[in-house]
């Protein structure tokens, strides 16, 4: 009787090996995804802007929203405006906005603001009219950029 139990236990162990291998592969894939992080950051050199590309999961979590830079006539002058929500201040007080050139890629762009009018920033310098800018999620993008900064 004891021999029969040994064979049964041996067969059960053999049957469980493929399941353990699947679990290990899943853990390896998950570790690789975690290692790559939620964002890939490419720091620009000199005047080149930094670029943040989010993973699909990170983009869903952040629920980033955009609007476009528009032209408007204010005080008889045609100017470019962005929603004030698209303006980001860095620790030094410089003003930035994140553009969204494609998909889940965001580029930090320095802007110079003349004034704020009715919830919009009037730009002296910045991206062209029609360019999408981030209105919700820019602080998280900036945090990702700062967190993954090379030392």
N, C-alpha and C. Protein backbone atom coordinates (compact mmCIF):
# COMPACT_ATOMS: atom_id res chain seq x y z
N UNK A 1 0.81 -1.18 0.00
CA UNK A 1 0.00 0.00 0.00
C UNK A 1 0.86 1.26 0.00
N UNK A 2 1.94 1.22 0.73
CA UNK A 2 2.80 2.39 0.81
C UNK A 2 3.39 2.73 -0.56
N UNK A 3 3.73 1.69 -1.32
CA UNK A 3 4.30 1.93 -2.65
C UNK A 3 3.31 2.64 -3.55
N UNK A 4 2.06 2.25 -3.47
CA UNK A 4 1.04 2.87 -4.30
C UNK A 4 0.90 4.36 -3.95
N UNK A 5 0.99 4.71 -2.72
CA UNK A 5 0.90 6.11 -2.30
C UNK A 5 2.08 6.90 -2.83
N UNK A 6 3.25 6.28 -2.82
CA UNK A 6 4.44 6.96 -3.33
C UNK A 6 4.28 7.29 -4.81
N UNK A 7 3.76 6.33 -5.59
CA UNK A 7 3.54 6.57 -7.02
C UNK A 7 2.51 7.67 -7.24
N UNK A 8 1.47 7.66 -6.46
CA UNK A 8 0.42 8.68 -6.60
C UNK A 8 0.97 10.06 -6.27
N UNK A 9 1.75 10.14 -5.22
CA UNK A 9 2.36 11.42 -4.84
C UNK A 9 3.35 11.87 -5.91
N UNK A 10 4.13 10.94 -6.43
CA UNK A 10 5.08 11.26 -7.50
C UNK A 10 4.37 11.78 -8.74
N UNK A 11 3.27 11.15 -9.12
CA UNK A 11 2.51 11.60 -10.29
C UNK A 11 1.91 12.99 -10.07
N UNK A 12 1.43 13.25 -8.86
CA UNK A 12 0.88 14.57 -8.55
C UNK A 12 1.96 15.65 -8.63
N UNK A 13 3.13 15.34 -8.13
CA UNK A 13 4.23 16.30 -8.21
C UNK A 13 4.61 16.59 -9.66
N UNK A 14 4.67 15.56 -10.47
CA UNK A 14 4.99 15.76 -11.90
C UNK A 14 3.92 16.58 -12.60
N UNK A 15 2.68 16.35 -12.23
CA UNK A 15 1.58 17.09 -12.84
C UNK A 15 1.63 18.57 -12.46
N UNK A 16 2.17 18.90 -11.29
CA UNK A 16 2.22 20.29 -10.82
C UNK A 16 3.39 21.08 -11.40
N UNK A 17 4.40 20.42 -11.91
CA UNK A 17 5.57 21.11 -12.44
C UNK A 17 5.24 22.11 -13.54
N UNK A 18 4.43 21.76 -14.54
CA UNK A 18 4.11 22.75 -15.57
C UNK A 18 3.38 23.97 -15.01
N UNK A 19 2.55 23.77 -14.01
CA UNK A 19 1.85 24.90 -13.40
C UNK A 19 2.83 25.83 -12.70
N UNK A 20 3.80 25.27 -12.04
CA UNK A 20 4.82 26.08 -11.36
C UNK A 20 5.64 26.85 -12.38
N UNK A 21 5.93 26.26 -13.53
CA UNK A 21 6.69 26.94 -14.57
C UNK A 21 5.91 28.12 -15.13
N UNK A 22 4.60 27.97 -15.31
CA UNK A 22 3.76 29.07 -15.80
C UNK A 22 3.78 30.22 -14.82
N UNK A 23 3.67 29.92 -13.55
CA UNK A 23 3.68 30.95 -12.51
C UNK A 23 5.01 31.69 -12.55
N UNK A 24 6.12 30.96 -12.72
CA UNK A 24 7.44 31.58 -12.75
C UNK A 24 7.57 32.49 -13.96
N UNK A 25 7.11 32.07 -15.14
CA UNK A 25 7.18 32.90 -16.35
C UNK A 25 6.37 34.17 -16.15
N UNK A 26 5.19 34.05 -15.54
CA UNK A 26 4.33 35.21 -15.28
C UNK A 26 5.04 36.19 -14.36
N UNK A 27 5.70 35.67 -13.32
CA UNK A 27 6.42 36.52 -12.39
C UNK A 27 7.59 37.21 -13.08
N UNK A 28 8.29 36.53 -13.96
CA UNK A 28 9.40 37.11 -14.70
C UNK A 28 8.90 38.24 -15.60
N UNK A 29 7.79 38.01 -16.30
CA UNK A 29 7.22 39.04 -17.18
C UNK A 29 6.79 40.25 -16.37
N UNK A 30 6.18 40.02 -15.22
CA UNK A 30 5.73 41.12 -14.37
C UNK A 30 6.93 41.91 -13.85
N UNK A 31 7.98 41.22 -13.45
CA UNK A 31 9.18 41.90 -12.96
C UNK A 31 9.81 42.74 -14.05
N UNK A 32 9.82 42.24 -15.28
CA UNK A 32 10.38 43.01 -16.40
C UNK A 32 9.57 44.26 -16.64
N UNK A 33 8.26 44.16 -16.56
CA UNK A 33 7.39 45.32 -16.76
C UNK A 33 7.61 46.35 -15.66
N UNK A 34 7.75 45.90 -14.42
CA UNK A 34 7.98 46.81 -13.31
C UNK A 34 9.34 47.47 -13.43
N UNK A 35 10.34 46.73 -13.91
CA UNK A 35 11.68 47.27 -14.05
C UNK A 35 11.71 48.39 -15.07
N UNK A 36 10.93 48.27 -16.15
CA UNK A 36 10.94 49.30 -17.18
C UNK A 36 10.23 50.56 -16.70
N UNK A 37 9.36 50.45 -15.70
CA UNK A 37 8.71 51.60 -15.12
C UNK A 37 7.51 52.07 -15.92
N UNK A 38 6.76 53.00 -15.34
CA UNK A 38 5.55 53.49 -16.00
C UNK A 38 5.82 54.51 -17.09
N UNK A 39 7.05 55.02 -17.13
CA UNK A 39 7.36 56.04 -18.12
C UNK A 39 8.80 55.91 -18.60
N UNK A 40 8.99 56.22 -19.85
CA UNK A 40 10.34 56.32 -20.41
C UNK A 40 10.62 57.79 -20.60
N UNK A 41 11.71 58.27 -20.00
CA UNK A 41 12.05 59.68 -20.07
C UNK A 41 13.32 59.86 -20.88
N UNK A 42 13.25 60.76 -21.86
CA UNK A 42 14.43 61.11 -22.64
C UNK A 42 14.71 62.58 -22.36
N UNK A 43 15.83 62.84 -21.69
CA UNK A 43 16.19 64.21 -21.34
C UNK A 43 16.86 64.88 -22.53
N UNK A 44 16.37 66.06 -22.87
CA UNK A 44 16.94 66.81 -23.98
C UNK A 44 18.28 67.41 -23.59
N UNK A 45 19.10 67.64 -24.58
CA UNK A 45 20.41 68.25 -24.33
C UNK A 45 20.33 69.73 -24.68
N UNK A 46 20.90 70.57 -23.82
CA UNK A 46 20.88 72.01 -24.06
C UNK A 46 19.46 72.54 -24.04
N UNK A 47 19.06 73.17 -25.15
CA UNK A 47 17.72 73.76 -25.24
C UNK A 47 16.65 72.74 -25.65
N UNK A 48 17.08 71.52 -25.95
CA UNK A 48 16.12 70.48 -26.35
C UNK A 48 15.22 70.12 -25.17
N UNK A 49 13.92 70.01 -25.41
CA UNK A 49 13.00 69.66 -24.32
C UNK A 49 13.08 68.19 -23.94
N UNK A 50 12.66 67.90 -22.71
CA UNK A 50 12.56 66.51 -22.26
C UNK A 50 11.28 65.89 -22.81
N UNK A 51 11.33 64.58 -23.01
CA UNK A 51 10.18 63.85 -23.56
C UNK A 51 9.83 62.71 -22.63
N UNK A 52 8.53 62.55 -22.34
CA UNK A 52 8.05 61.47 -21.48
C UNK A 52 7.09 60.62 -22.30
N UNK A 53 7.36 59.31 -22.35
CA UNK A 53 6.45 58.38 -23.01
C UNK A 53 5.92 57.43 -21.96
N UNK A 54 4.60 57.41 -21.81
CA UNK A 54 3.97 56.58 -20.79
C UNK A 54 3.63 55.19 -21.31
N UNK A 55 3.64 54.23 -20.42
CA UNK A 55 3.11 52.91 -20.78
C UNK A 55 1.60 53.05 -20.90
N UNK A 56 0.97 52.07 -21.51
CA UNK A 56 -0.47 52.11 -21.69
C UNK A 56 -1.18 52.15 -20.32
N UNK A 57 -0.69 51.36 -19.38
CA UNK A 57 -1.29 51.31 -18.05
C UNK A 57 -1.15 52.64 -17.33
N UNK A 58 0.02 53.26 -17.42
CA UNK A 58 0.24 54.55 -16.76
C UNK A 58 -0.66 55.63 -17.37
N UNK A 59 -0.82 55.60 -18.68
CA UNK A 59 -1.69 56.58 -19.34
C UNK A 59 -3.14 56.44 -18.86
N UNK A 60 -3.58 55.19 -18.68
CA UNK A 60 -4.95 54.96 -18.19
C UNK A 60 -5.09 55.49 -16.76
N UNK A 61 -4.10 55.23 -15.92
CA UNK A 61 -4.17 55.65 -14.52
C UNK A 61 -4.20 57.18 -14.40
N UNK A 62 -3.37 57.85 -15.19
CA UNK A 62 -3.27 59.31 -15.08
C UNK A 62 -4.45 60.02 -15.73
N UNK A 63 -5.09 59.38 -16.70
CA UNK A 63 -6.22 59.98 -17.40
C UNK A 63 -5.89 61.40 -17.87
N UNK A 64 -4.78 61.51 -18.58
CA UNK A 64 -4.32 62.81 -19.06
C UNK A 64 -5.32 63.38 -20.05
N UNK A 65 -5.58 64.68 -19.90
CA UNK A 65 -6.50 65.37 -20.79
C UNK A 65 -5.78 66.53 -21.47
N UNK A 66 -6.19 66.83 -22.69
CA UNK A 66 -5.52 67.88 -23.46
C UNK A 66 -6.53 68.88 -24.03
N UNK A 67 -6.01 70.01 -24.43
CA UNK A 67 -6.74 71.04 -25.16
C UNK A 67 -5.74 71.58 -26.17
N UNK A 68 -6.14 72.49 -27.03
CA UNK A 68 -5.21 73.00 -28.03
C UNK A 68 -4.89 74.47 -27.80
N UNK A 69 -3.72 74.85 -28.26
CA UNK A 69 -3.34 76.26 -28.25
C UNK A 69 -4.17 76.94 -29.33
N UNK A 70 -4.76 78.07 -28.98
CA UNK A 70 -5.62 78.79 -29.94
C UNK A 70 -5.14 80.21 -30.14
N UNK A 71 -5.58 80.77 -31.23
CA UNK A 71 -5.39 82.20 -31.45
C UNK A 71 -6.67 82.90 -31.05
N UNK A 72 -6.51 84.07 -30.42
CA UNK A 72 -7.66 84.86 -30.01
C UNK A 72 -7.31 86.33 -30.19
N UNK A 73 -8.31 87.14 -30.32
CA UNK A 73 -8.10 88.59 -30.39
C UNK A 73 -8.40 89.18 -29.02
N UNK A 74 -7.37 89.76 -28.42
CA UNK A 74 -7.51 90.38 -27.11
C UNK A 74 -6.96 91.80 -27.23
N UNK A 75 -7.79 92.76 -26.86
CA UNK A 75 -7.43 94.18 -26.97
C UNK A 75 -7.00 94.55 -28.38
N UNK A 76 -7.69 93.96 -29.39
CA UNK A 76 -7.42 94.28 -30.79
C UNK A 76 -6.17 93.62 -31.35
N UNK A 77 -5.56 92.72 -30.61
CA UNK A 77 -4.32 92.07 -31.04
C UNK A 77 -4.53 90.56 -31.08
N UNK A 78 -4.06 89.89 -32.15
CA UNK A 78 -4.16 88.44 -32.25
C UNK A 78 -3.01 87.82 -31.44
N UNK A 79 -3.40 86.98 -30.48
CA UNK A 79 -2.41 86.34 -29.59
C UNK A 79 -2.70 84.85 -29.50
N UNK A 80 -1.71 84.11 -29.03
CA UNK A 80 -1.91 82.68 -28.76
C UNK A 80 -2.25 82.52 -27.30
N UNK A 81 -3.25 81.67 -27.02
CA UNK A 81 -3.66 81.43 -25.64
C UNK A 81 -3.72 79.93 -25.37
N UNK A 82 -3.48 79.57 -24.11
CA UNK A 82 -3.67 78.19 -23.66
C UNK A 82 -4.49 78.24 -22.38
N UNK A 83 -5.23 77.18 -22.08
CA UNK A 83 -5.93 77.16 -20.80
C UNK A 83 -4.91 77.30 -19.67
N UNK A 84 -5.26 78.08 -18.66
CA UNK A 84 -4.34 78.26 -17.54
C UNK A 84 -4.00 76.93 -16.87
N UNK A 85 -4.92 75.96 -16.96
CA UNK A 85 -4.67 74.63 -16.41
C UNK A 85 -3.49 73.94 -17.10
N UNK A 86 -3.11 74.39 -18.27
CA UNK A 86 -2.00 73.78 -19.01
C UNK A 86 -0.64 74.36 -18.60
N UNK A 87 -0.66 75.38 -17.73
CA UNK A 87 0.59 76.02 -17.30
C UNK A 87 1.13 75.29 -16.07
N UNK A 88 2.41 74.99 -16.12
CA UNK A 88 3.10 74.30 -15.03
C UNK A 88 4.25 75.17 -14.57
N UNK A 89 4.35 75.36 -13.27
CA UNK A 89 5.46 76.12 -12.69
C UNK A 89 6.46 75.15 -12.08
N UNK A 90 7.75 75.31 -12.43
CA UNK A 90 8.77 74.46 -11.82
C UNK A 90 9.22 75.10 -10.50
N UNK A 91 10.07 74.43 -9.73
CA UNK A 91 10.49 74.97 -8.43
C UNK A 91 11.18 76.34 -8.51
N UNK A 92 11.74 76.68 -9.66
CA UNK A 92 12.40 77.98 -9.82
C UNK A 92 11.43 79.06 -10.28
N UNK A 93 10.17 78.68 -10.54
CA UNK A 93 9.16 79.66 -10.97
C UNK A 93 9.06 79.81 -12.48
N UNK A 94 9.83 79.03 -13.24
CA UNK A 94 9.72 79.08 -14.70
C UNK A 94 8.41 78.43 -15.13
N UNK A 95 7.89 78.87 -16.26
CA UNK A 95 6.60 78.36 -16.74
C UNK A 95 6.80 77.42 -17.91
N UNK A 96 6.05 76.33 -17.88
CA UNK A 96 6.15 75.26 -18.87
C UNK A 96 4.75 74.78 -19.24
N UNK A 97 4.68 74.06 -20.33
CA UNK A 97 3.49 73.31 -20.68
C UNK A 97 3.97 72.01 -21.32
N UNK A 98 3.17 70.99 -21.21
CA UNK A 98 3.48 69.74 -21.90
C UNK A 98 2.65 69.66 -23.16
N UNK A 99 3.33 69.47 -24.29
CA UNK A 99 2.63 69.25 -25.55
C UNK A 99 2.44 67.76 -25.74
N UNK A 100 1.55 67.40 -26.63
CA UNK A 100 1.24 65.99 -26.89
C UNK A 100 1.36 65.74 -28.39
N UNK A 101 2.62 65.58 -28.88
CA UNK A 101 2.81 65.43 -30.32
C UNK A 101 2.21 64.16 -30.91
N UNK A 102 2.15 63.07 -30.09
CA UNK A 102 1.56 61.83 -30.59
C UNK A 102 1.30 60.86 -29.45
N UNK A 103 0.26 60.09 -29.60
CA UNK A 103 -0.05 58.98 -28.69
C UNK A 103 0.15 59.28 -27.23
N UNK A 104 1.02 58.50 -26.59
CA UNK A 104 1.29 58.63 -25.15
C UNK A 104 2.62 59.34 -24.90
N UNK A 105 3.03 60.18 -25.85
CA UNK A 105 4.29 60.91 -25.74
C UNK A 105 4.00 62.38 -25.44
N UNK A 106 4.73 62.92 -24.46
CA UNK A 106 4.53 64.29 -24.01
C UNK A 106 5.89 64.99 -23.95
N UNK A 107 5.91 66.24 -24.42
CA UNK A 107 7.16 66.99 -24.47
C UNK A 107 6.99 68.27 -23.65
N UNK A 108 7.89 68.49 -22.71
CA UNK A 108 7.84 69.71 -21.89
C UNK A 108 8.39 70.87 -22.71
N UNK A 109 7.64 71.97 -22.74
CA UNK A 109 7.96 73.11 -23.58
C UNK A 109 7.93 74.37 -22.72
N UNK A 110 9.01 75.15 -22.76
CA UNK A 110 9.06 76.39 -22.00
C UNK A 110 8.14 77.42 -22.64
N UNK A 111 7.35 78.10 -21.81
CA UNK A 111 6.46 79.15 -22.30
C UNK A 111 6.72 80.43 -21.51
N UNK A 112 6.53 81.56 -22.19
CA UNK A 112 6.59 82.86 -21.54
C UNK A 112 5.19 83.45 -21.61
N UNK A 113 4.68 83.84 -20.46
CA UNK A 113 3.30 84.31 -20.36
C UNK A 113 3.27 85.82 -20.18
N UNK A 114 2.40 86.46 -20.96
CA UNK A 114 2.21 87.90 -20.86
C UNK A 114 1.27 88.22 -19.70
N UNK A 115 0.12 87.51 -19.67
CA UNK A 115 -0.88 87.74 -18.63
C UNK A 115 -1.92 86.63 -18.65
N UNK A 116 -2.78 86.64 -17.65
CA UNK A 116 -3.86 85.67 -17.57
C UNK A 116 -5.17 86.43 -17.83
N UNK A 117 -5.98 85.92 -18.78
CA UNK A 117 -7.25 86.55 -19.13
C UNK A 117 -8.33 85.47 -19.18
N UNK A 118 -9.34 85.61 -18.35
CA UNK A 118 -10.48 84.69 -18.35
C UNK A 118 -10.08 83.21 -18.34
N UNK A 119 -9.16 82.85 -17.47
CA UNK A 119 -8.76 81.45 -17.34
C UNK A 119 -7.82 80.95 -18.42
N UNK A 120 -7.28 81.86 -19.22
CA UNK A 120 -6.32 81.50 -20.27
C UNK A 120 -5.02 82.29 -20.09
N UNK A 121 -3.91 81.64 -20.38
CA UNK A 121 -2.61 82.30 -20.35
C UNK A 121 -2.32 82.82 -21.76
N UNK A 122 -2.00 84.10 -21.84
CA UNK A 122 -1.64 84.73 -23.12
C UNK A 122 -0.14 84.54 -23.30
N UNK A 123 0.25 83.87 -24.37
CA UNK A 123 1.65 83.52 -24.58
C UNK A 123 2.42 84.61 -25.32
N UNK A 124 3.63 84.86 -24.85
CA UNK A 124 4.59 85.67 -25.60
C UNK A 124 5.44 84.72 -26.41
N UNK A 125 5.87 83.64 -25.76
CA UNK A 125 6.64 82.58 -26.42
C UNK A 125 6.06 81.23 -26.04
N UNK A 126 6.07 80.30 -27.01
CA UNK A 126 5.56 78.96 -26.75
C UNK A 126 5.25 78.26 -28.05
N UNK A 127 4.63 77.11 -27.95
CA UNK A 127 4.29 76.33 -29.15
C UNK A 127 3.30 77.07 -30.05
N UNK A 128 3.18 76.60 -31.27
CA UNK A 128 2.30 77.20 -32.27
C UNK A 128 0.83 76.90 -31.98
N UNK A 129 -0.04 77.70 -32.56
CA UNK A 129 -1.49 77.47 -32.45
C UNK A 129 -1.81 76.10 -33.05
N UNK A 130 -2.78 75.42 -32.45
CA UNK A 130 -3.19 74.10 -32.93
C UNK A 130 -2.48 72.94 -32.26
N UNK A 131 -1.43 73.21 -31.51
CA UNK A 131 -0.67 72.15 -30.82
C UNK A 131 -1.44 71.72 -29.57
N UNK A 132 -1.62 70.41 -29.36
CA UNK A 132 -2.30 69.95 -28.13
C UNK A 132 -1.40 70.14 -26.92
N UNK A 133 -2.00 70.61 -25.81
CA UNK A 133 -1.28 70.77 -24.55
C UNK A 133 -2.04 70.05 -23.45
N UNK A 134 -1.30 69.57 -22.46
CA UNK A 134 -1.89 68.81 -21.35
C UNK A 134 -2.54 69.78 -20.37
N UNK A 135 -3.82 69.54 -20.05
CA UNK A 135 -4.53 70.35 -19.07
C UNK A 135 -4.73 69.61 -17.75
N UNK A 136 -4.72 68.29 -17.78
CA UNK A 136 -4.84 67.47 -16.57
C UNK A 136 -3.75 66.40 -16.64
N UNK A 137 -2.89 66.36 -15.62
CA UNK A 137 -1.84 65.35 -15.55
C UNK A 137 -0.44 65.87 -15.74
N UNK A 138 -0.27 67.18 -15.95
CA UNK A 138 1.08 67.70 -16.20
C UNK A 138 1.99 67.59 -14.98
N UNK A 139 1.43 67.74 -13.78
CA UNK A 139 2.28 67.60 -12.59
C UNK A 139 2.79 66.18 -12.44
N UNK A 140 1.98 65.19 -12.82
CA UNK A 140 2.42 63.80 -12.77
C UNK A 140 3.51 63.54 -13.81
N UNK A 141 3.37 64.14 -14.99
CA UNK A 141 4.40 64.01 -16.02
C UNK A 141 5.71 64.63 -15.54
N UNK A 142 5.61 65.80 -14.92
CA UNK A 142 6.81 66.47 -14.40
C UNK A 142 7.45 65.63 -13.31
N UNK A 143 6.60 65.03 -12.45
CA UNK A 143 7.12 64.14 -11.41
C UNK A 143 7.84 62.94 -11.99
N UNK A 144 7.27 62.36 -13.05
CA UNK A 144 7.92 61.22 -13.72
C UNK A 144 9.26 61.65 -14.30
N UNK A 145 9.27 62.81 -14.89
CA UNK A 145 10.51 63.33 -15.49
C UNK A 145 11.57 63.56 -14.42
N UNK A 146 11.18 64.11 -13.30
CA UNK A 146 12.12 64.39 -12.22
C UNK A 146 12.57 63.11 -11.53
N UNK A 147 11.64 62.16 -11.34
CA UNK A 147 11.95 60.91 -10.64
C UNK A 147 12.98 60.10 -11.40
N UNK A 148 12.90 60.11 -12.73
CA UNK A 148 13.79 59.28 -13.54
C UNK A 148 14.97 60.07 -14.07
N UNK A 149 15.23 61.23 -13.49
CA UNK A 149 16.32 62.07 -13.92
C UNK A 149 17.64 61.37 -13.68
N UNK A 150 18.54 61.46 -14.65
CA UNK A 150 19.86 60.84 -14.48
C UNK A 150 20.69 61.68 -13.55
N UNK A 151 21.49 61.00 -12.74
CA UNK A 151 22.32 61.73 -11.77
C UNK A 151 23.74 61.79 -12.24
